[in-house]
PDB file of N, CA and C in Angstrom:
ATOM      1  N   UNK A   1      14.576   5.808  26.805  1.00  0.00           N
ATOM      2  CA  UNK A   1      15.389   4.882  26.066  1.00  0.00           C
ATOM      3  C   UNK A   1      14.704   4.634  24.730  1.00  0.00           C
ATOM      4  N   UNK A   2      15.356   5.148  23.716  1.00  0.00           N
ATOM      5  CA  UNK A   2      14.752   5.072  22.402  1.00  0.00           C
ATOM      6  C   UNK A   2      15.841   4.946  21.346  1.00  0.00           C
ATOM      7  N   UNK A   3      15.461   5.091  20.132  1.00  0.00           N
ATOM      8  CA  UNK A   3      16.422   5.011  19.046  1.00  0.00           C
ATOM      9  C   UNK A   3      17.090   3.648  18.990  1.00  0.00           C
ATOM     10  N   UNK A   4      18.336   3.644  18.619  1.00  0.00           N
ATOM     11  CA  UNK A   4      19.047   2.379  18.431  1.00  0.00           C
ATOM     12  C   UNK A   4      19.324   1.653  19.742  1.00  0.00           C
ATOM     13  N   UNK A   5      19.286   2.352  20.867  1.00  0.00           N
ATOM     14  CA  UNK A   5      19.552   1.687  22.152  1.00  0.00           C
ATOM     15  C   UNK A   5      18.383   0.834  22.632  1.00  0.00           C
ATOM     16  N   UNK A   6      17.199   1.111  22.112  1.00  0.00           N
ATOM     17  CA  UNK A   6      15.989   0.422  22.571  1.00  0.00           C
ATOM     18  C   UNK A   6      16.078  -1.100  22.419  1.00  0.00           C
ATOM     19  N   UNK A   7      16.736  -1.564  21.382  1.00  0.00           N
ATOM     20  CA  UNK A   7      16.825  -3.003  21.124  1.00  0.00           C
ATOM     21  C   UNK A   7      17.604  -3.761  22.205  1.00  0.00           C
ATOM     22  N   UNK A   8      18.464  -3.067  22.939  1.00  0.00           N
ATOM     23  CA  UNK A   8      19.295  -3.715  23.947  1.00  0.00           C
ATOM     24  C   UNK A   8      18.668  -3.735  25.346  1.00  0.00           C
ATOM     25  N   UNK A   9      17.590  -3.016  25.535  1.00  0.00           N
ATOM     26  CA  UNK A   9      16.978  -2.873  26.861  1.00  0.00           C
ATOM     27  C   UNK A   9      16.546  -4.215  27.468  1.00  0.00           C
ATOM     28  N   UNK A  10      15.857  -5.099  26.747  1.00  0.00           N
ATOM     29  CA  UNK A  10      15.453  -6.371  27.371  1.00  0.00           C
ATOM     30  C   UNK A  10      16.638  -7.187  27.912  1.00  0.00           C
ATOM     31  N   UNK A  11      17.717  -7.267  27.149  1.00  0.00           N
ATOM     32  CA  UNK A  11      18.881  -8.039  27.596  1.00  0.00           C
ATOM     33  C   UNK A  11      19.546  -7.381  28.806  1.00  0.00           C
ATOM     34  N   UNK A  12      19.609  -6.068  28.805  1.00  0.00           N
ATOM     35  CA  UNK A  12      20.216  -5.363  29.943  1.00  0.00           C
ATOM     36  C   UNK A  12      19.366  -5.552  31.192  1.00  0.00           C
ATOM     37  N   UNK A  13      18.045  -5.449  31.042  1.00  0.00           N
ATOM     38  CA  UNK A  13      17.167  -5.637  32.211  1.00  0.00           C
ATOM     39  C   UNK A  13      17.249  -7.064  32.755  1.00  0.00           C
ATOM     40  N   UNK A  14      17.430  -8.019  31.866  1.00  0.00           N
ATOM     41  CA  UNK A  14      17.552  -9.405  32.310  1.00  0.00           C
ATOM     42  C   UNK A  14      18.883  -9.608  33.046  1.00  0.00           C
ATOM     43  N   UNK A  15      19.947  -9.020  32.538  1.00  0.00           N
ATOM     44  CA  UNK A  15      21.263  -9.177  33.161  1.00  0.00           C
ATOM     45  C   UNK A  15      21.388  -8.397  34.471  1.00  0.00           C
ATOM     46  N   UNK A  16      20.664  -7.260  34.562  1.00  0.00           N
ATOM     47  CA  UNK A  16      20.747  -6.399  35.743  1.00  0.00           C
ATOM     48  C   UNK A  16      19.335  -6.040  36.220  1.00  0.00           C
ATOM     49  N   UNK A  17      18.610  -7.013  36.772  1.00  0.00           N
ATOM     50  CA  UNK A  17      17.193  -6.794  37.091  1.00  0.00           C
ATOM     51  C   UNK A  17      16.928  -5.741  38.174  1.00  0.00           C
ATOM     52  N   UNK A  18      17.890  -5.434  39.002  1.00  0.00           N
ATOM     53  CA  UNK A  18      17.660  -4.480  40.089  1.00  0.00           C
ATOM     54  C   UNK A  18      18.232  -3.093  39.803  1.00  0.00           C
ATOM     55  N   UNK A  19      18.655  -2.874  38.575  1.00  0.00           N
ATOM     56  CA  UNK A  19      19.249  -1.589  38.209  1.00  0.00           C
ATOM     57  C   UNK A  19      18.212  -0.752  37.462  1.00  0.00           C
ATOM     58  N   UNK A  20      18.065   0.494  37.892  1.00  0.00           N
ATOM     59  CA  UNK A  20      17.169   1.426  37.211  1.00  0.00           C
ATOM     60  C   UNK A  20      17.869   1.970  35.970  1.00  0.00           C
ATOM     61  N   UNK A  21      17.203   1.908  34.833  1.00  0.00           N
ATOM     62  CA  UNK A  21      17.749   2.449  33.591  1.00  0.00           C
ATOM     63  C   UNK A  21      17.137   3.819  33.352  1.00  0.00           C
ATOM     64  N   UNK A  22      17.987   4.818  33.327  1.00  0.00           N
ATOM     65  CA  UNK A  22      17.524   6.193  33.172  1.00  0.00           C
ATOM     66  C   UNK A  22      17.615   6.625  31.718  1.00  0.00           C
ATOM     67  N   UNK A  23      16.572   7.273  31.231  1.00  0.00           N
ATOM     68  CA  UNK A  23      16.603   7.834  29.885  1.00  0.00           C
ATOM     69  C   UNK A  23      17.675   8.905  29.772  1.00  0.00           C
ATOM     70  N   UNK A  24      18.088   9.203  28.584  1.00  0.00           N
ATOM     71  CA  UNK A  24      19.213  10.110  28.360  1.00  0.00           C
ATOM     72  C   UNK A  24      18.819  11.564  28.213  1.00  0.00           C
ATOM     73  N   UNK A  25      17.556  11.890  28.149  1.00  0.00           N
ATOM     74  CA  UNK A  25      17.160  13.256  27.816  1.00  0.00           C
ATOM     75  C   UNK A  25      17.265  13.430  26.313  1.00  0.00           C
ATOM     76  N   UNK A  26      17.222  14.654  25.854  1.00  0.00           N
ATOM     77  CA  UNK A  26      17.327  14.919  24.421  1.00  0.00           C
ATOM     78  C   UNK A  26      18.697  15.521  24.144  1.00  0.00           C
ATOM     79  N   UNK A  27      19.592  14.679  23.643  1.00  0.00           N
ATOM     80  CA  UNK A  27      20.966  15.080  23.368  1.00  0.00           C
ATOM     81  C   UNK A  27      21.267  14.869  21.892  1.00  0.00           C
ATOM     82  N   UNK A  28      22.098  15.737  21.347  1.00  0.00           N
ATOM     83  CA  UNK A  28      22.544  15.606  19.962  1.00  0.00           C
ATOM     84  C   UNK A  28      24.014  16.003  19.915  1.00  0.00           C
ATOM     85  N   UNK A  29      24.686  15.640  18.871  1.00  0.00           N
ATOM     86  CA  UNK A  29      26.089  16.026  18.715  1.00  0.00           C
ATOM     87  C   UNK A  29      26.223  17.546  18.747  1.00  0.00           C
ATOM     88  N   UNK A  30      25.241  18.230  18.181  1.00  0.00           N
ATOM     89  CA  UNK A  30      25.288  19.686  18.096  1.00  0.00           C
ATOM     90  C   UNK A  30      25.060  20.375  19.434  1.00  0.00           C
ATOM     91  N   UNK A  31      24.368  19.703  20.353  1.00  0.00           N
ATOM     92  CA  UNK A  31      24.117  20.325  21.644  1.00  0.00           C
ATOM     93  C   UNK A  31      23.115  19.567  22.485  1.00  0.00           C
ATOM     94  N   UNK A  32      23.040  19.944  23.752  1.00  0.00           N
ATOM     95  CA  UNK A  32      22.105  19.331  24.703  1.00  0.00           C
ATOM     96  C   UNK A  32      20.823  20.151  24.745  1.00  0.00           C
ATOM     97  N   UNK A  33      19.712  19.473  24.624  1.00  0.00           N
ATOM     98  CA  UNK A  33      18.417  20.151  24.692  1.00  0.00           C
ATOM     99  C   UNK A  33      17.805  19.935  26.068  1.00  0.00           C
ATOM    100  N   UNK A  34      17.848  18.710  26.548  1.00  0.00           N
ATOM    101  CA  UNK A  34      17.367  18.422  27.899  1.00  0.00           C
ATOM    102  C   UNK A  34      18.306  17.423  28.555  1.00  0.00           C
ATOM    103  N   UNK A  35      18.272  17.407  29.872  1.00  0.00           N
ATOM    104  CA  UNK A  35      19.146  16.535  30.640  1.00  0.00           C
ATOM    105  C   UNK A  35      18.314  15.661  31.561  1.00  0.00           C
ATOM    106  N   UNK A  36      18.714  14.415  31.751  1.00  0.00           N
ATOM    107  CA  UNK A  36      17.945  13.545  32.641  1.00  0.00           C
ATOM    108  C   UNK A  36      18.162  13.907  34.111  1.00  0.00           C
ATOM    109  N   UNK A  37      17.118  13.725  34.876  1.00  0.00           N
ATOM    110  CA  UNK A  37      17.211  13.848  36.323  1.00  0.00           C
ATOM    111  C   UNK A  37      16.753  12.523  36.882  1.00  0.00           C
ATOM    112  N   UNK A  38      17.488  11.991  37.813  1.00  0.00           N
ATOM    113  CA  UNK A  38      17.165  10.691  38.388  1.00  0.00           C
ATOM    114  C   UNK A  38      15.841  10.734  39.131  1.00  0.00           C
ATOM    115  N   UNK A  39      15.620   9.875  40.034  1.00  0.00           N
ATOM    116  CA  UNK A  39      14.387   9.706  40.793  1.00  0.00           C
ATOM    117  C   UNK A  39      13.418   8.841  39.980  1.00  0.00           C
ATOM    118  N   UNK A  40      13.976   7.887  39.274  1.00  0.00           N
ATOM    119  CA  UNK A  40      13.215   6.895  38.512  1.00  0.00           C
ATOM    120  C   UNK A  40      12.263   7.505  37.487  1.00  0.00           C
ATOM    121  N   UNK A  41      12.732   8.553  36.845  1.00  0.00           N
ATOM    122  CA  UNK A  41      11.988   9.122  35.729  1.00  0.00           C
ATOM    123  C   UNK A  41      10.854  10.042  36.101  1.00  0.00           C
ATOM    124  N   UNK A  42      10.519  10.152  37.376  1.00  0.00           N
ATOM    125  CA  UNK A  42       9.364  10.947  37.750  1.00  0.00           C
ATOM    126  C   UNK A  42       9.583  12.444  37.530  1.00  0.00           C
ATOM    127  N   UNK A  43      10.829  12.873  37.455  1.00  0.00           N
ATOM    128  CA  UNK A  43      11.103  14.286  37.247  1.00  0.00           C
ATOM    129  C   UNK A  43      11.307  14.637  35.779  1.00  0.00           C
ATOM    130  N   UNK A  44      11.340  13.644  34.920  1.00  0.00           N
ATOM    131  CA  UNK A  44      11.485  13.901  33.491  1.00  0.00           C
ATOM    132  C   UNK A  44      12.867  14.390  33.112  1.00  0.00           C
ATOM    133  N   UNK A  45      12.924  15.144  32.033  1.00  0.00           N
ATOM    134  CA  UNK A  45      14.181  15.690  31.522  1.00  0.00           C
ATOM    135  C   UNK A  45      14.001  17.184  31.286  1.00  0.00           C
ATOM    136  N   UNK A  46      14.399  18.006  32.241  1.00  0.00           N
ATOM    137  CA  UNK A  46      14.231  19.454  32.067  1.00  0.00           C
ATOM    138  C   UNK A  46      15.156  20.012  30.998  1.00  0.00           C
ATOM    139  N   UNK A  47      14.782  21.160  30.460  1.00  0.00           N
ATOM    140  CA  UNK A  47      15.584  21.808  29.431  1.00  0.00           C
ATOM    141  C   UNK A  47      16.954  22.192  29.968  1.00  0.00           C
ATOM    142  N   UNK A  48      17.942  22.053  29.112  1.00  0.00           N
ATOM    143  CA  UNK A  48      19.304  22.477  29.440  1.00  0.00           C
ATOM    144  C   UNK A  48      19.433  23.944  29.023  1.00  0.00           C
ATOM    145  N   UNK A  49      18.670  24.801  29.677  1.00  0.00           N
ATOM    146  CA  UNK A  49      18.544  26.184  29.234  1.00  0.00           C
ATOM    147  C   UNK A  49      19.799  27.030  29.439  1.00  0.00           C
ATOM    148  N   UNK A  50      20.772  26.531  30.191  1.00  0.00           N
ATOM    149  CA  UNK A  50      22.018  27.291  30.335  1.00  0.00           C
ATOM    150  C   UNK A  50      23.089  26.828  29.347  1.00  0.00           C
ATOM    151  N   UNK A  51      22.807  25.793  28.587  1.00  0.00           N
ATOM    152  CA  UNK A  51      23.785  25.264  27.634  1.00  0.00           C
ATOM    153  C   UNK A  51      23.844  26.066  26.340  1.00  0.00           C
ATOM    154  N   UNK A  52      22.691  26.434  25.816  1.00  0.00           N
ATOM    155  CA  UNK A  52      22.587  27.126  24.536  1.00  0.00           C
ATOM    156  C   UNK A  52      21.352  28.012  24.574  1.00  0.00           C
ATOM    157  N   UNK A  53      21.195  28.837  23.555  1.00  0.00           N
ATOM    158  CA  UNK A  53      19.940  29.569  23.402  1.00  0.00           C
ATOM    159  C   UNK A  53      18.999  28.635  22.655  1.00  0.00           C
ATOM    160  N   UNK A  54      17.854  28.352  23.250  1.00  0.00           N
ATOM    161  CA  UNK A  54      16.914  27.382  22.686  1.00  0.00           C
ATOM    162  C   UNK A  54      15.648  28.052  22.181  1.00  0.00           C
ATOM    163  N   UNK A  55      15.271  27.670  20.978  1.00  0.00           N
ATOM    164  CA  UNK A  55      13.977  28.045  20.405  1.00  0.00           C
ATOM    165  C   UNK A  55      13.319  26.747  19.973  1.00  0.00           C
ATOM    166  N   UNK A  56      12.030  26.789  19.761  1.00  0.00           N
ATOM    167  CA  UNK A  56      11.308  25.582  19.380  1.00  0.00           C
ATOM    168  C   UNK A  56      10.380  25.908  18.223  1.00  0.00           C
ATOM    169  N   UNK A  57      10.585  25.189  17.103  1.00  0.00           N
ATOM    170  CA  UNK A  57       9.791  25.427  15.908  1.00  0.00           C
ATOM    171  C   UNK A  57       8.474  24.682  15.945  1.00  0.00           C
ATOM    172  N   UNK A  58       7.445  25.356  15.479  1.00  0.00           N
ATOM    173  CA  UNK A  58       6.130  24.747  15.331  1.00  0.00           C
ATOM    174  C   UNK A  58       6.200  23.741  14.186  1.00  0.00           C
ATOM    175  N   UNK A  59       5.676  22.551  14.383  1.00  0.00           N
ATOM    176  CA  UNK A  59       5.766  21.510  13.347  1.00  0.00           C
ATOM    177  C   UNK A  59       4.970  21.868  12.096  1.00  0.00           C
ATOM    178  N   UNK A  60       3.929  22.682  12.238  1.00  0.00           N
ATOM    179  CA  UNK A  60       3.112  23.068  11.084  1.00  0.00           C
ATOM    180  C   UNK A  60       3.640  24.307  10.370  1.00  0.00           C
ATOM    181  N   UNK A  61       4.451  25.102  11.061  1.00  0.00           N
ATOM    182  CA  UNK A  61       5.000  26.326  10.482  1.00  0.00           C
ATOM    183  C   UNK A  61       6.355  26.597  11.123  1.00  0.00           C
ATOM    184  N   UNK A  62       7.432  26.114  10.514  1.00  0.00           N
ATOM    185  CA  UNK A  62       8.763  26.194  11.103  1.00  0.00           C
ATOM    186  C   UNK A  62       9.210  27.641  11.327  1.00  0.00           C
ATOM    187  N   UNK A  63       8.635  28.593  10.599  1.00  0.00           N
ATOM    188  CA  UNK A  63       8.989  29.996  10.799  1.00  0.00           C
ATOM    189  C   UNK A  63       8.407  30.539  12.098  1.00  0.00           C
ATOM    190  N   UNK A  64       7.433  29.849  12.654  1.00  0.00           N
ATOM    191  CA  UNK A  64       6.845  30.246  13.934  1.00  0.00           C
ATOM    192  C   UNK A  64       7.621  29.532  15.042  1.00  0.00           C
ATOM    193  N   UNK A  65       8.306  30.301  15.873  1.00  0.00           N
ATOM    194  CA  UNK A  65       9.087  29.708  16.953  1.00  0.00           C
ATOM    195  C   UNK A  65       8.560  30.168  18.310  1.00  0.00           C
ATOM    196  N   UNK A  66       8.861  29.367  19.309  1.00  0.00           N
ATOM    197  CA  UNK A  66       8.485  29.682  20.691  1.00  0.00           C
ATOM    198  C   UNK A  66       9.716  29.546  21.568  1.00  0.00           C
ATOM    199  N   UNK A  67       9.755  30.342  22.627  1.00  0.00           N
ATOM    200  CA  UNK A  67      10.781  30.189  23.645  1.00  0.00           C
ATOM    201  C   UNK A  67      10.277  29.200  24.683  1.00  0.00           C
ATOM    202  N   UNK A  68      11.144  28.778  25.577  1.00  0.00           N
ATOM    203  CA  UNK A  68      10.800  27.727  26.537  1.00  0.00           C
ATOM    204  C   UNK A  68       9.549  28.051  27.347  1.00  0.00           C
ATOM    205  N   UNK A  69       9.427  29.265  27.816  1.00  0.00           N
ATOM    206  CA  UNK A  69       8.278  29.619  28.653  1.00  0.00           C
ATOM    207  C   UNK A  69       6.969  29.711  27.860  1.00  0.00           C
ATOM    208  N   UNK A  70       7.054  29.652  26.536  1.00  0.00           N
ATOM    209  CA  UNK A  70       5.867  29.735  25.689  1.00  0.00           C
ATOM    210  C   UNK A  70       5.371  28.367  25.207  1.00  0.00           C
ATOM    211  N   UNK A  71       6.086  27.291  25.532  1.00  0.00           N
ATOM    212  CA  UNK A  71       5.710  25.964  25.073  1.00  0.00           C
ATOM    213  C   UNK A  71       4.382  25.539  25.683  1.00  0.00           C
ATOM    214  N   UNK A  72       3.594  24.823  24.886  1.00  0.00           N
ATOM    215  CA  UNK A  72       2.302  24.336  25.347  1.00  0.00           C
ATOM    216  C   UNK A  72       2.407  22.859  25.696  1.00  0.00           C
ATOM    217  N   UNK A  73       1.918  22.503  26.858  1.00  0.00           N
ATOM    218  CA  UNK A  73       1.971  21.126  27.334  1.00  0.00           C
ATOM    219  C   UNK A  73       1.302  20.184  26.333  1.00  0.00           C
ATOM    220  N   UNK A  74       2.004  19.072  26.035  1.00  0.00           N
ATOM    221  CA  UNK A  74       1.462  18.063  25.128  1.00  0.00           C
ATOM    222  C   UNK A  74       1.702  18.328  23.657  1.00  0.00           C
ATOM    223  N   UNK A  75       2.175  19.505  23.296  1.00  0.00           N
ATOM    224  CA  UNK A  75       2.428  19.834  21.897  1.00  0.00           C
ATOM    225  C   UNK A  75       3.851  19.429  21.526  1.00  0.00           C
ATOM    226  N   UNK A  76       4.051  19.009  20.280  1.00  0.00           N
ATOM    227  CA  UNK A  76       5.377  18.612  19.804  1.00  0.00           C
ATOM    228  C   UNK A  76       6.037  19.761  19.054  1.00  0.00           C
ATOM    229  N   UNK A  77       7.342  19.875  19.250  1.00  0.00           N
ATOM    230  CA  UNK A  77       8.138  20.939  18.640  1.00  0.00           C
ATOM    231  C   UNK A  77       9.421  20.346  18.069  1.00  0.00           C
ATOM    232  N   UNK A  78      10.118  21.147  17.283  1.00  0.00           N
ATOM    233  CA  UNK A  78      11.434  20.771  16.808  1.00  0.00           C
ATOM    234  C   UNK A  78      12.434  21.819  17.321  1.00  0.00           C
ATOM    235  N   UNK A  79      13.491  21.396  18.008  1.00  0.00           N
ATOM    236  CA  UNK A  79      14.432  22.348  18.615  1.00  0.00           C
ATOM    237  C   UNK A  79      15.283  23.084  17.589  1.00  0.00           C
ATOM    238  N   UNK A  80      15.537  24.356  17.897  1.00  0.00           N
ATOM    239  CA  UNK A  80      16.430  25.201  17.115  1.00  0.00           C
ATOM    240  C   UNK A  80      17.413  25.797  18.123  1.00  0.00           C
ATOM    241  N   UNK A  81      18.710  25.581  17.905  1.00  0.00           N
ATOM    242  CA  UNK A  81      19.683  26.032  18.902  1.00  0.00           C
ATOM    243  C   UNK A  81      20.676  27.032  18.317  1.00  0.00           C
ATOM    244  N   UNK A  82      21.103  27.932  19.179  1.00  0.00           N
ATOM    245  CA  UNK A  82      22.227  28.815  18.888  1.00  0.00           C
ATOM    246  C   UNK A  82      23.264  28.514  19.956  1.00  0.00           C
ATOM    247  N   UNK A  83      24.471  28.169  19.524  1.00  0.00           N
ATOM    248  CA  UNK A  83      25.494  27.731  20.471  1.00  0.00           C
ATOM    249  C   UNK A  83      26.624  28.741  20.572  1.00  0.00           C
ATOM    250  N   UNK A  84      27.342  28.624  21.656  1.00  0.00           N
ATOM    251  CA  UNK A  84      28.518  29.455  21.892  1.00  0.00           C
ATOM    252  C   UNK A  84      29.619  29.164  20.862  1.00  0.00           C
ATOM    253  N   UNK A  85      29.604  27.943  20.302  1.00  0.00           N
ATOM    254  CA  UNK A  85      30.654  27.553  19.361  1.00  0.00           C
ATOM    255  C   UNK A  85      30.369  27.973  17.923  1.00  0.00           C
ATOM    256  N   UNK A  86      29.251  28.658  17.682  1.00  0.00           N
ATOM    257  CA  UNK A  86      29.050  29.216  16.348  1.00  0.00           C
ATOM    258  C   UNK A  86      27.843  28.751  15.574  1.00  0.00           C
ATOM    259  N   UNK A  87      27.147  27.727  16.025  1.00  0.00           N
ATOM    260  CA  UNK A  87      25.919  27.357  15.315  1.00  0.00           C
ATOM    261  C   UNK A  87      24.884  28.439  15.581  1.00  0.00           C
ATOM    262  N   UNK A  88      24.267  28.941  14.526  1.00  0.00           N
ATOM    263  CA  UNK A  88      23.288  30.016  14.671  1.00  0.00           C
ATOM    264  C   UNK A  88      21.935  29.542  14.162  1.00  0.00           C
ATOM    265  N   UNK A  89      20.981  29.454  15.086  1.00  0.00           N
ATOM    266  CA  UNK A  89      19.618  29.014  14.778  1.00  0.00           C
ATOM    267  C   UNK A  89      19.639  27.693  13.998  1.00  0.00           C
ATOM    268  N   UNK A  90      20.397  26.759  14.502  1.00  0.00           N
ATOM    269  CA  UNK A  90      20.552  25.444  13.866  1.00  0.00           C
ATOM    270  C   UNK A  90      19.329  24.586  14.178  1.00  0.00           C
ATOM    271  N   UNK A  91      18.660  24.161  13.122  1.00  0.00           N
ATOM    272  CA  UNK A  91      17.443  23.359  13.245  1.00  0.00           C
ATOM    273  C   UNK A  91      17.829  21.887  13.341  1.00  0.00           C
ATOM    274  N   UNK A  92      17.569  21.266  14.491  1.00  0.00           N
ATOM    275  CA  UNK A  92      17.992  19.883  14.711  1.00  0.00           C
ATOM    276  C   UNK A  92      17.151  18.851  13.954  1.00  0.00           C
ATOM    277  N   UNK A  93      15.972  19.206  13.518  1.00  0.00           N
ATOM    278  CA  UNK A  93      15.102  18.312  12.759  1.00  0.00           C
ATOM    279  C   UNK A  93      14.801  17.014  13.497  1.00  0.00           C
ATOM    280  N   UNK A  94      14.547  17.140  14.798  1.00  0.00           N
ATOM    281  CA  UNK A  94      14.066  16.039  15.624  1.00  0.00           C
ATOM    282  C   UNK A  94      12.858  16.548  16.389  1.00  0.00           C
ATOM    283  N   UNK A  95      12.026  15.641  16.846  1.00  0.00           N
ATOM    284  CA  UNK A  95      10.820  16.047  17.563  1.00  0.00           C
ATOM    285  C   UNK A  95      11.041  16.037  19.058  1.00  0.00           C
ATOM    286  N   UNK A  96      10.421  16.987  19.712  1.00  0.00           N
ATOM    287  CA  UNK A  96      10.459  17.079  21.156  1.00  0.00           C
ATOM    288  C   UNK A  96       9.047  17.357  21.643  1.00  0.00           C
ATOM    289  N   UNK A  97       8.675  16.739  22.746  1.00  0.00           N
ATOM    290  CA  UNK A  97       7.327  16.928  23.277  1.00  0.00           C
ATOM    291  C   UNK A  97       7.397  17.722  24.563  1.00  0.00           C
ATOM    292  N   UNK A  98       6.577  18.762  24.639  1.00  0.00           N
ATOM    293  CA  UNK A  98       6.495  19.572  25.862  1.00  0.00           C
ATOM    294  C   UNK A  98       5.598  18.832  26.851  1.00  0.00           C
ATOM    295  N   UNK A  99       6.230  18.104  27.768  1.00  0.00           N
ATOM    296  CA  UNK A  99       5.456  17.241  28.658  1.00  0.00           C
ATOM    297  C   UNK A  99       5.068  17.884  29.962  1.00  0.00           C
ATOM    298  N   UNK A 100       5.713  18.964  30.346  1.00  0.00           N
ATOM    299  CA  UNK A 100       5.340  19.635  31.594  1.00  0.00           C
ATOM    300  C   UNK A 100       5.436  21.129  31.417  1.00  0.00           C
ATOM    301  N   UNK A 101       4.775  21.847  32.297  1.00  0.00           N
ATOM    302  CA  UNK A 101       4.857  23.294  32.312  1.00  0.00           C
ATOM    303  C   UNK A 101       5.190  23.750  33.708  1.00  0.00           C
ATOM    304  N   UNK A 102       5.943  24.817  33.794  1.00  0.00           N
ATOM    305  CA  UNK A 102       6.171  25.412  35.108  1.00  0.00           C
ATOM    306  C   UNK A 102       5.082  26.425  35.353  1.00  0.00           C
ATOM    307  N   UNK A 103       4.604  26.483  36.578  1.00  0.00           N
ATOM    308  CA  UNK A 103       3.580  27.469  36.929  1.00  0.00           C
ATOM    309  C   UNK A 103       4.208  28.696  37.520  1.00  0.00           C
TER     310      UNK A 103
END
């Protein structure tokens, strides 16, 4: 829960103290990057790898990109998506953190 919705969290928690508030994952108008999985946040937000072709730009060198399996845990990236609807290598210009790795 971040961005503009963050300001409403205290009032919502007070009004609904027994309700779990789930983060939204990383979503944009242009496409979904990650999707939330319930279980009280312990599973995080895995990549929506079947939604679009996803690449991740290095923050220090945007021309250097990585695919999902190449992401380094704890490093921040900026998503680049290619969509079925015609966006080609669209740079979302938002930050994403690689918080987990699959073994």
